[in-house]
Amino acid sequence: MNTLRQSPRIGVLGPHACSPDEAQLGFEVGAEIARRGGILLCGGLDGMMEAAARGAKSENGLTVGILPGDTDEAANAHIDVPLPTGLGAVRNMVLVRMCHAVIAIHGRYGTLSEIASALRLGVRVVGLHSWAVSEEGGAPDPGILVAHSAKEAVDLALKSSEK
């Protein structure tokens, strides 16, 4: 029996504003997380966060939104558990800390800051058409696994969360 406490918590990171193709990728990742029994965590707002949560809900998954503001009213309609932090962008660190692994899909500087936070905290990062990060211009950070599809991204995140 799989209880919520045993379910892998997989974060989805990505931009507030995304193209239809980017949103479709987020939807597919969210749906795959739910199909595989994971709990989807995200920033709870619009863009990639909304697309991934919508995907998870399409498969009856559980969604958690770690919100930057003081109330849960800003959460998108697909968030089951809105958690207002009142922390603004600092909530990015809280979000990644709560996850067993995160999947970064595309993204801009906010996503980059979440990737950096995850790497710093030892949370596995899976990049799906996202940032390549290296220290001092060296080889890409081995803490970031590169995926080429939604299914592969979720596979890598789930395998990482087992460790």
N, C-alpha and C. Protein backbone atom coordinates (compact mmCIF):
# COMPACT_ATOMS: atom_id res chain seq x y z
N MET A 1 0.84 -1.18 0.00
CA MET A 1 0.00 0.00 0.00
C MET A 1 0.89 1.24 0.00
N ASN A 2 0.55 2.20 -0.84
CA ASN A 2 1.33 3.43 -0.95
C ASN A 2 0.63 4.54 -0.18
N THR A 3 1.22 4.97 0.91
CA THR A 3 0.64 6.08 1.65
C THR A 3 1.26 7.38 1.17
N LEU A 4 0.60 8.47 1.50
CA LEU A 4 1.14 9.78 1.10
C LEU A 4 2.54 10.00 1.65
N ARG A 5 2.79 9.53 2.84
CA ARG A 5 4.11 9.72 3.45
C ARG A 5 5.20 9.00 2.65
N GLN A 6 4.84 7.91 2.00
CA GLN A 6 5.80 7.15 1.23
C GLN A 6 5.91 7.62 -0.22
N SER A 7 4.99 8.46 -0.65
CA SER A 7 4.98 8.92 -2.05
C SER A 7 6.14 9.86 -2.32
N PRO A 8 6.78 9.69 -3.47
CA PRO A 8 7.86 10.62 -3.82
C PRO A 8 7.29 12.02 -4.08
N ARG A 9 7.96 13.03 -3.54
CA ARG A 9 7.58 14.42 -3.76
C ARG A 9 8.48 14.98 -4.85
N ILE A 10 7.87 15.23 -6.02
CA ILE A 10 8.63 15.69 -7.17
C ILE A 10 8.22 17.13 -7.49
N GLY A 11 9.20 18.02 -7.48
CA GLY A 11 8.96 19.42 -7.80
C GLY A 11 9.06 19.65 -9.30
N VAL A 12 8.22 20.55 -9.79
CA VAL A 12 8.31 20.98 -11.19
C VAL A 12 8.62 22.46 -11.18
N LEU A 13 9.70 22.81 -11.84
CA LEU A 13 10.19 24.19 -11.91
C LEU A 13 10.08 24.67 -13.35
N GLY A 14 9.76 25.94 -13.53
CA GLY A 14 9.69 26.48 -14.88
C GLY A 14 9.17 27.90 -14.87
N PRO A 15 9.04 28.48 -16.04
CA PRO A 15 8.71 29.90 -16.14
C PRO A 15 7.24 30.23 -15.85
N HIS A 16 7.04 31.46 -15.38
CA HIS A 16 5.67 31.97 -15.18
C HIS A 16 4.93 32.09 -16.50
N ALA A 17 5.62 32.53 -17.52
CA ALA A 17 5.03 32.67 -18.85
C ALA A 17 5.68 31.64 -19.76
N CYS A 18 4.86 30.80 -20.37
CA CYS A 18 5.44 29.79 -21.24
C CYS A 18 4.61 29.65 -22.51
N SER A 19 5.27 29.18 -23.53
CA SER A 19 4.63 28.97 -24.82
C SER A 19 3.68 27.77 -24.72
N PRO A 20 2.78 27.61 -25.69
CA PRO A 20 1.92 26.42 -25.69
C PRO A 20 2.72 25.12 -25.70
N ASP A 21 3.82 25.07 -26.44
CA ASP A 21 4.64 23.85 -26.47
C ASP A 21 5.29 23.58 -25.11
N GLU A 22 5.78 24.64 -24.46
CA GLU A 22 6.35 24.48 -23.13
C GLU A 22 5.28 24.02 -22.14
N ALA A 23 4.10 24.62 -22.22
CA ALA A 23 3.00 24.24 -21.33
C ALA A 23 2.61 22.78 -21.54
N GLN A 24 2.61 22.33 -22.79
CA GLN A 24 2.28 20.93 -23.08
C GLN A 24 3.29 19.99 -22.43
N LEU A 25 4.55 20.36 -22.48
CA LEU A 25 5.59 19.55 -21.85
C LEU A 25 5.37 19.51 -20.33
N GLY A 26 5.04 20.64 -19.74
CA GLY A 26 4.74 20.68 -18.31
C GLY A 26 3.55 19.81 -17.95
N PHE A 27 2.50 19.87 -18.78
CA PHE A 27 1.31 19.04 -18.58
C PHE A 27 1.70 17.57 -18.60
N GLU A 28 2.51 17.17 -19.58
CA GLU A 28 2.93 15.77 -19.70
C GLU A 28 3.74 15.32 -18.49
N VAL A 29 4.63 16.18 -18.00
CA VAL A 29 5.42 15.84 -16.81
C VAL A 29 4.50 15.68 -15.60
N GLY A 30 3.59 16.63 -15.40
CA GLY A 30 2.66 16.53 -14.28
C GLY A 30 1.82 15.27 -14.33
N ALA A 31 1.30 14.95 -15.51
CA ALA A 31 0.49 13.75 -15.68
C ALA A 31 1.30 12.50 -15.37
N GLU A 32 2.53 12.46 -15.83
CA GLU A 32 3.39 11.29 -15.60
C GLU A 32 3.74 11.14 -14.11
N ILE A 33 3.98 12.25 -13.43
CA ILE A 33 4.24 12.19 -11.99
C ILE A 33 3.05 11.55 -11.28
N ALA A 34 1.85 11.99 -11.62
CA ALA A 34 0.64 11.46 -10.99
C ALA A 34 0.44 9.99 -11.33
N ARG A 35 0.62 9.62 -12.59
CA ARG A 35 0.46 8.21 -13.00
C ARG A 35 1.39 7.29 -12.22
N ARG A 36 2.56 7.82 -11.88
CA ARG A 36 3.58 7.02 -11.21
C ARG A 36 3.49 7.10 -9.69
N GLY A 37 2.44 7.75 -9.17
CA GLY A 37 2.20 7.79 -7.73
C GLY A 37 2.94 8.87 -6.97
N GLY A 38 3.51 9.85 -7.69
CA GLY A 38 4.21 10.93 -7.03
C GLY A 38 3.28 12.07 -6.64
N ILE A 39 3.74 12.89 -5.74
CA ILE A 39 3.06 14.13 -5.36
C ILE A 39 3.77 15.26 -6.08
N LEU A 40 3.02 16.08 -6.80
CA LEU A 40 3.60 17.19 -7.54
C LEU A 40 3.66 18.43 -6.65
N LEU A 41 4.84 19.00 -6.50
CA LEU A 41 5.02 20.27 -5.82
C LEU A 41 5.48 21.30 -6.83
N CYS A 42 4.98 22.52 -6.69
CA CYS A 42 5.38 23.61 -7.57
C CYS A 42 5.14 24.92 -6.86
N GLY A 43 5.41 26.01 -7.54
CA GLY A 43 5.21 27.34 -6.97
C GLY A 43 3.76 27.75 -6.89
N GLY A 44 2.87 26.96 -7.49
CA GLY A 44 1.43 27.15 -7.33
C GLY A 44 0.78 28.24 -8.14
N LEU A 45 1.55 28.95 -8.95
CA LEU A 45 0.99 30.09 -9.68
C LEU A 45 0.67 29.68 -11.12
N ASP A 46 1.00 30.53 -12.09
CA ASP A 46 0.62 30.31 -13.48
C ASP A 46 1.78 29.74 -14.30
N GLY A 47 1.60 29.73 -15.60
CA GLY A 47 2.66 29.26 -16.50
C GLY A 47 2.94 27.79 -16.34
N MET A 48 4.22 27.45 -16.22
CA MET A 48 4.63 26.06 -16.11
C MET A 48 4.02 25.40 -14.87
N MET A 49 3.90 26.17 -13.78
CA MET A 49 3.34 25.63 -12.55
C MET A 49 1.89 25.17 -12.77
N GLU A 50 1.13 26.00 -13.46
CA GLU A 50 -0.27 25.67 -13.74
C GLU A 50 -0.36 24.49 -14.70
N ALA A 51 0.48 24.46 -15.72
CA ALA A 51 0.45 23.38 -16.70
C ALA A 51 0.76 22.04 -16.04
N ALA A 52 1.79 22.00 -15.21
CA ALA A 52 2.15 20.75 -14.54
C ALA A 52 1.07 20.30 -13.57
N ALA A 53 0.50 21.24 -12.83
CA ALA A 53 -0.57 20.90 -11.88
C ALA A 53 -1.81 20.40 -12.63
N ARG A 54 -2.11 21.03 -13.74
CA ARG A 54 -3.25 20.60 -14.57
C ARG A 54 -3.02 19.17 -15.07
N GLY A 55 -1.79 18.87 -15.48
CA GLY A 55 -1.46 17.53 -15.92
C GLY A 55 -1.62 16.51 -14.80
N ALA A 56 -1.13 16.85 -13.63
CA ALA A 56 -1.25 15.93 -12.49
C ALA A 56 -2.72 15.68 -12.15
N LYS A 57 -3.53 16.73 -12.18
CA LYS A 57 -4.95 16.59 -11.86
C LYS A 57 -5.67 15.76 -12.92
N SER A 58 -5.20 15.81 -14.17
CA SER A 58 -5.83 15.01 -15.23
C SER A 58 -5.70 13.51 -14.94
N GLU A 59 -4.74 13.15 -14.08
CA GLU A 59 -4.51 11.75 -13.69
C GLU A 59 -4.84 11.54 -12.21
N ASN A 60 -5.66 12.45 -11.66
CA ASN A 60 -6.10 12.36 -10.26
C ASN A 60 -4.95 12.40 -9.27
N GLY A 61 -3.88 13.13 -9.60
CA GLY A 61 -2.74 13.27 -8.71
C GLY A 61 -2.97 14.34 -7.66
N LEU A 62 -2.09 14.34 -6.67
CA LEU A 62 -2.11 15.33 -5.60
C LEU A 62 -1.13 16.44 -5.94
N THR A 63 -1.58 17.70 -5.82
CA THR A 63 -0.74 18.85 -6.14
C THR A 63 -0.61 19.77 -4.93
N VAL A 64 0.60 20.26 -4.73
CA VAL A 64 0.90 21.17 -3.63
C VAL A 64 1.55 22.41 -4.22
N GLY A 65 1.05 23.58 -3.84
CA GLY A 65 1.62 24.84 -4.32
C GLY A 65 2.27 25.59 -3.18
N ILE A 66 3.57 25.85 -3.30
CA ILE A 66 4.32 26.62 -2.31
C ILE A 66 4.28 28.07 -2.79
N LEU A 67 3.37 28.83 -2.24
CA LEU A 67 3.07 30.18 -2.74
C LEU A 67 3.97 31.25 -2.14
N PRO A 68 4.27 32.27 -2.92
CA PRO A 68 5.13 33.35 -2.42
C PRO A 68 4.40 34.32 -1.49
N GLY A 69 3.10 34.45 -1.62
CA GLY A 69 2.35 35.45 -0.86
C GLY A 69 1.80 34.96 0.47
N ASP A 70 0.94 35.80 1.05
CA ASP A 70 0.40 35.53 2.38
C ASP A 70 -0.92 34.78 2.39
N THR A 71 -1.55 34.64 1.22
CA THR A 71 -2.84 33.96 1.17
C THR A 71 -2.82 32.90 0.07
N ASP A 72 -3.79 32.01 0.13
CA ASP A 72 -3.84 30.96 -0.88
C ASP A 72 -4.66 31.34 -2.11
N GLU A 73 -5.16 32.56 -2.16
CA GLU A 73 -6.01 32.99 -3.27
C GLU A 73 -5.29 33.07 -4.61
N ALA A 74 -3.98 33.21 -4.60
CA ALA A 74 -3.23 33.31 -5.86
C ALA A 74 -2.97 31.95 -6.49
N ALA A 75 -3.23 30.87 -5.77
CA ALA A 75 -2.97 29.53 -6.30
C ALA A 75 -3.81 29.27 -7.54
N ASN A 76 -3.23 28.58 -8.49
CA ASN A 76 -4.01 28.23 -9.68
C ASN A 76 -5.07 27.19 -9.30
N ALA A 77 -6.04 27.02 -10.16
CA ALA A 77 -7.21 26.18 -9.87
C ALA A 77 -6.89 24.70 -9.73
N HIS A 78 -5.67 24.29 -10.08
CA HIS A 78 -5.32 22.87 -10.06
C HIS A 78 -4.49 22.48 -8.84
N ILE A 79 -4.36 23.40 -7.90
CA ILE A 79 -3.59 23.13 -6.68
C ILE A 79 -4.54 22.63 -5.60
N ASP A 80 -4.24 21.44 -5.07
CA ASP A 80 -5.04 20.87 -3.99
C ASP A 80 -4.69 21.47 -2.64
N VAL A 81 -3.40 21.62 -2.40
CA VAL A 81 -2.92 22.10 -1.11
C VAL A 81 -2.10 23.37 -1.34
N PRO A 82 -2.74 24.55 -1.20
CA PRO A 82 -1.98 25.80 -1.33
C PRO A 82 -1.32 26.14 0.01
N LEU A 83 -0.03 26.39 -0.02
CA LEU A 83 0.71 26.73 1.19
C LEU A 83 1.32 28.11 1.05
N PRO A 84 0.64 29.15 1.52
CA PRO A 84 1.19 30.51 1.44
C PRO A 84 2.34 30.67 2.42
N THR A 85 3.45 31.19 1.93
CA THR A 85 4.64 31.33 2.78
C THR A 85 4.92 32.76 3.22
N GLY A 86 4.43 33.74 2.43
CA GLY A 86 4.78 35.13 2.73
C GLY A 86 6.25 35.44 2.51
N LEU A 87 6.96 34.58 1.79
CA LEU A 87 8.40 34.71 1.63
C LEU A 87 8.84 35.29 0.29
N GLY A 88 7.91 35.58 -0.60
CA GLY A 88 8.29 36.06 -1.92
C GLY A 88 9.14 35.03 -2.64
N ALA A 89 10.17 35.50 -3.34
CA ALA A 89 11.02 34.59 -4.11
C ALA A 89 11.84 33.65 -3.23
N VAL A 90 11.98 33.98 -1.96
CA VAL A 90 12.72 33.10 -1.04
C VAL A 90 12.02 31.75 -0.92
N ARG A 91 10.73 31.72 -1.24
CA ARG A 91 9.99 30.46 -1.16
C ARG A 91 10.54 29.42 -2.12
N ASN A 92 11.35 29.84 -3.12
CA ASN A 92 11.97 28.89 -4.03
C ASN A 92 12.85 27.88 -3.27
N MET A 93 13.56 28.36 -2.27
CA MET A 93 14.41 27.50 -1.45
C MET A 93 13.55 26.52 -0.65
N VAL A 94 12.44 27.00 -0.12
CA VAL A 94 11.52 26.15 0.64
C VAL A 94 10.96 25.07 -0.28
N LEU A 95 10.56 25.45 -1.48
CA LEU A 95 10.00 24.51 -2.43
C LEU A 95 10.96 23.37 -2.71
N VAL A 96 12.17 23.67 -3.09
CA VAL A 96 13.10 22.60 -3.46
C VAL A 96 13.48 21.75 -2.25
N ARG A 97 13.54 22.35 -1.06
CA ARG A 97 13.87 21.60 0.15
C ARG A 97 12.82 20.52 0.44
N MET A 98 11.58 20.78 0.08
CA MET A 98 10.48 19.84 0.35
C MET A 98 10.46 18.66 -0.64
N CYS A 99 11.27 18.72 -1.67
CA CYS A 99 11.20 17.73 -2.74
C CYS A 99 12.29 16.67 -2.60
N HIS A 100 11.96 15.46 -3.07
CA HIS A 100 12.97 14.41 -3.18
C HIS A 100 13.80 14.62 -4.44
N ALA A 101 13.19 15.19 -5.47
CA ALA A 101 13.87 15.53 -6.72
C ALA A 101 13.05 16.62 -7.40
N VAL A 102 13.69 17.38 -8.28
CA VAL A 102 12.98 18.41 -9.04
C VAL A 102 13.25 18.24 -10.52
N ILE A 103 12.25 18.64 -11.31
CA ILE A 103 12.37 18.63 -12.76
C ILE A 103 12.25 20.07 -13.23
N ALA A 104 13.31 20.59 -13.83
CA ALA A 104 13.32 21.95 -14.37
C ALA A 104 12.99 21.87 -15.86
N ILE A 105 11.90 22.55 -16.25
CA ILE A 105 11.46 22.54 -17.64
C ILE A 105 11.62 23.95 -18.19
N HIS A 106 12.46 24.08 -19.20
CA HIS A 106 12.76 25.40 -19.76
C HIS A 106 13.13 26.33 -18.60
N GLY A 107 12.62 27.52 -18.55
CA GLY A 107 12.85 28.39 -17.40
C GLY A 107 13.74 29.57 -17.68
N ARG A 108 13.63 30.49 -16.77
CA ARG A 108 14.40 31.72 -16.83
C ARG A 108 15.19 31.86 -15.52
N TYR A 109 15.45 33.07 -15.07
CA TYR A 109 16.30 33.25 -13.89
C TYR A 109 15.69 32.72 -12.61
N GLY A 110 14.37 32.76 -12.46
CA GLY A 110 13.74 32.18 -11.28
C GLY A 110 13.98 30.68 -11.22
N THR A 111 13.86 30.03 -12.38
CA THR A 111 14.12 28.60 -12.46
C THR A 111 15.59 28.32 -12.18
N LEU A 112 16.47 29.15 -12.69
CA LEU A 112 17.90 28.99 -12.43
C LEU A 112 18.18 29.08 -10.93
N SER A 113 17.53 30.02 -10.25
CA SER A 113 17.75 30.14 -8.80
C SER A 113 17.25 28.90 -8.06
N GLU A 114 16.16 28.31 -8.54
CA GLU A 114 15.66 27.07 -7.92
C GLU A 114 16.61 25.91 -8.18
N ILE A 115 17.18 25.84 -9.37
CA ILE A 115 18.16 24.81 -9.68
C ILE A 115 19.36 24.96 -8.76
N ALA A 116 19.86 26.18 -8.62
CA ALA A 116 21.01 26.42 -7.75
C ALA A 116 20.69 26.04 -6.31
N SER A 117 19.50 26.37 -5.84
CA SER A 117 19.11 26.01 -4.47
C SER A 117 19.07 24.50 -4.31
N ALA A 118 18.51 23.81 -5.28
CA ALA A 118 18.44 22.35 -5.20
C ALA A 118 19.84 21.74 -5.16
N LEU A 119 20.72 22.21 -6.03
CA LEU A 119 22.08 21.69 -6.05
C LEU A 119 22.77 21.94 -4.71
N ARG A 120 22.57 23.11 -4.18
CA ARG A 120 23.19 23.46 -2.89
C ARG A 120 22.67 22.57 -1.77
N LEU A 121 21.38 22.21 -1.83
CA LEU A 121 20.75 21.39 -0.79
C LEU A 121 20.90 19.89 -1.04
N GLY A 122 21.50 19.51 -2.16
CA GLY A 122 21.68 18.10 -2.45
C GLY A 122 20.44 17.42 -3.00
N VAL A 123 19.51 18.20 -3.55
CA VAL A 123 18.31 17.65 -4.16
C VAL A 123 18.60 17.42 -5.64
N ARG A 124 18.31 16.22 -6.12
CA ARG A 124 18.60 15.88 -7.51
C ARG A 124 17.79 16.76 -8.45
N VAL A 125 18.42 17.24 -9.50
CA VAL A 125 17.78 18.07 -10.52
C VAL A 125 17.78 17.31 -11.84
N VAL A 126 16.62 17.28 -12.48
CA VAL A 126 16.51 16.74 -13.83
C VAL A 126 16.16 17.92 -14.72
N GLY A 127 16.95 18.15 -15.74
CA GLY A 127 16.71 19.24 -16.67
C GLY A 127 16.04 18.74 -17.94
N LEU A 128 14.96 19.38 -18.31
CA LEU A 128 14.23 19.04 -19.53
C LEU A 128 14.16 20.32 -20.37
N HIS A 129 15.04 20.43 -21.35
CA HIS A 129 15.16 21.66 -22.16
C HIS A 129 15.37 22.86 -21.24
N SER A 130 16.28 22.71 -20.31
CA SER A 130 16.49 23.75 -19.30
C SER A 130 17.96 24.15 -19.25
N TRP A 131 18.34 24.78 -18.17
CA TRP A 131 19.67 25.32 -17.98
C TRP A 131 20.74 24.23 -17.90
N ALA A 132 21.92 24.52 -18.44
CA ALA A 132 23.13 23.74 -18.20
C ALA A 132 23.98 24.59 -17.26
N VAL A 133 24.33 24.06 -16.12
CA VAL A 133 25.03 24.83 -15.10
C VAL A 133 26.40 24.20 -14.87
N SER A 134 27.41 25.06 -14.77
CA SER A 134 28.74 24.57 -14.46
C SER A 134 29.40 25.53 -13.48
N GLU A 135 30.36 25.01 -12.73
CA GLU A 135 31.11 25.86 -11.82
C GLU A 135 32.33 26.40 -12.56
N GLU A 136 32.50 27.70 -12.53
CA GLU A 136 33.66 28.37 -13.10
C GLU A 136 33.95 27.96 -14.54
N GLY A 137 32.90 27.79 -15.34
CA GLY A 137 33.06 27.52 -16.75
C GLY A 137 33.50 26.11 -17.08
N GLY A 138 33.45 25.21 -16.11
CA GLY A 138 33.86 23.82 -16.35
C GLY A 138 32.76 23.00 -16.99
N ALA A 139 32.86 21.72 -16.82
CA ALA A 139 31.87 20.78 -17.36
C ALA A 139 30.54 20.98 -16.65
N PRO A 140 29.44 20.63 -17.31
CA PRO A 140 28.13 20.74 -16.66
C PRO A 140 28.11 19.99 -15.33
N ASP A 141 27.39 20.56 -14.36
CA ASP A 141 27.30 19.99 -13.03
C ASP A 141 26.71 18.58 -13.10
N PRO A 142 27.38 17.58 -12.50
CA PRO A 142 26.86 16.22 -12.53
C PRO A 142 25.60 16.05 -11.69
N GLY A 143 25.24 17.06 -10.90
CA GLY A 143 24.01 17.01 -10.12
C GLY A 143 22.77 17.21 -10.96
N ILE A 144 22.95 17.61 -12.22
CA ILE A 144 21.82 17.82 -13.12
C ILE A 144 21.79 16.70 -14.15
N LEU A 145 20.74 15.91 -14.12
CA LEU A 145 20.54 14.87 -15.12
C LEU A 145 19.75 15.46 -16.27
N VAL A 146 20.13 15.14 -17.49
CA VAL A 146 19.47 15.69 -18.67
C VAL A 146 18.47 14.67 -19.21
N ALA A 147 17.23 15.12 -19.41
CA ALA A 147 16.18 14.28 -19.99
C ALA A 147 15.75 14.89 -21.31
N HIS A 148 15.19 14.05 -22.18
CA HIS A 148 14.76 14.50 -23.50
C HIS A 148 13.26 14.35 -23.72
N SER A 149 12.56 13.81 -22.71
CA SER A 149 11.11 13.65 -22.80
C SER A 149 10.52 13.73 -21.39
N ALA A 150 9.22 13.92 -21.33
CA ALA A 150 8.53 13.98 -20.03
C ALA A 150 8.70 12.66 -19.29
N LYS A 151 8.51 11.56 -19.98
CA LYS A 151 8.62 10.24 -19.33
C LYS A 151 10.03 10.02 -18.80
N GLU A 152 11.04 10.35 -19.60
CA GLU A 152 12.42 10.17 -19.16
C GLU A 152 12.71 11.06 -17.95
N ALA A 153 12.21 12.29 -17.95
CA ALA A 153 12.44 13.20 -16.83
C ALA A 153 11.85 12.63 -15.54
N VAL A 154 10.63 12.12 -15.61
CA VAL A 154 10.00 11.56 -14.42
C VAL A 154 10.71 10.27 -14.00
N ASP A 155 11.10 9.44 -14.95
CA ASP A 155 11.87 8.23 -14.62
C ASP A 155 13.12 8.60 -13.82
N LEU A 156 13.88 9.56 -14.32
CA LEU A 156 15.12 9.96 -13.65
C LEU A 156 14.85 10.55 -12.27
N ALA A 157 13.81 11.38 -12.16
CA ALA A 157 13.46 11.98 -10.87
C ALA A 157 13.05 10.91 -9.87
N LEU A 158 12.24 9.96 -10.30
CA LEU A 158 11.79 8.91 -9.39
C LEU A 158 12.94 8.00 -8.97
N LYS A 159 13.82 7.66 -9.89
CA LYS A 159 14.99 6.84 -9.52
C LYS A 159 15.87 7.58 -8.52
N SER A 160 16.02 8.87 -8.71
CA SER A 160 16.82 9.67 -7.79
C SER A 160 16.17 9.78 -6.43
N SER A 161 14.85 9.82 -6.39
CA SER A 161 14.14 9.98 -5.12
C SER A 161 14.20 8.72 -4.27
N GLU A 162 14.53 7.58 -4.88
CA GLU A 162 14.63 6.32 -4.15
C GLU A 162 15.90 6.24 -3.31
N LYS A 163 16.87 7.08 -3.62
CA LYS A 163 18.17 7.01 -2.95
C LYS A 163 18.18 7.80 -1.67
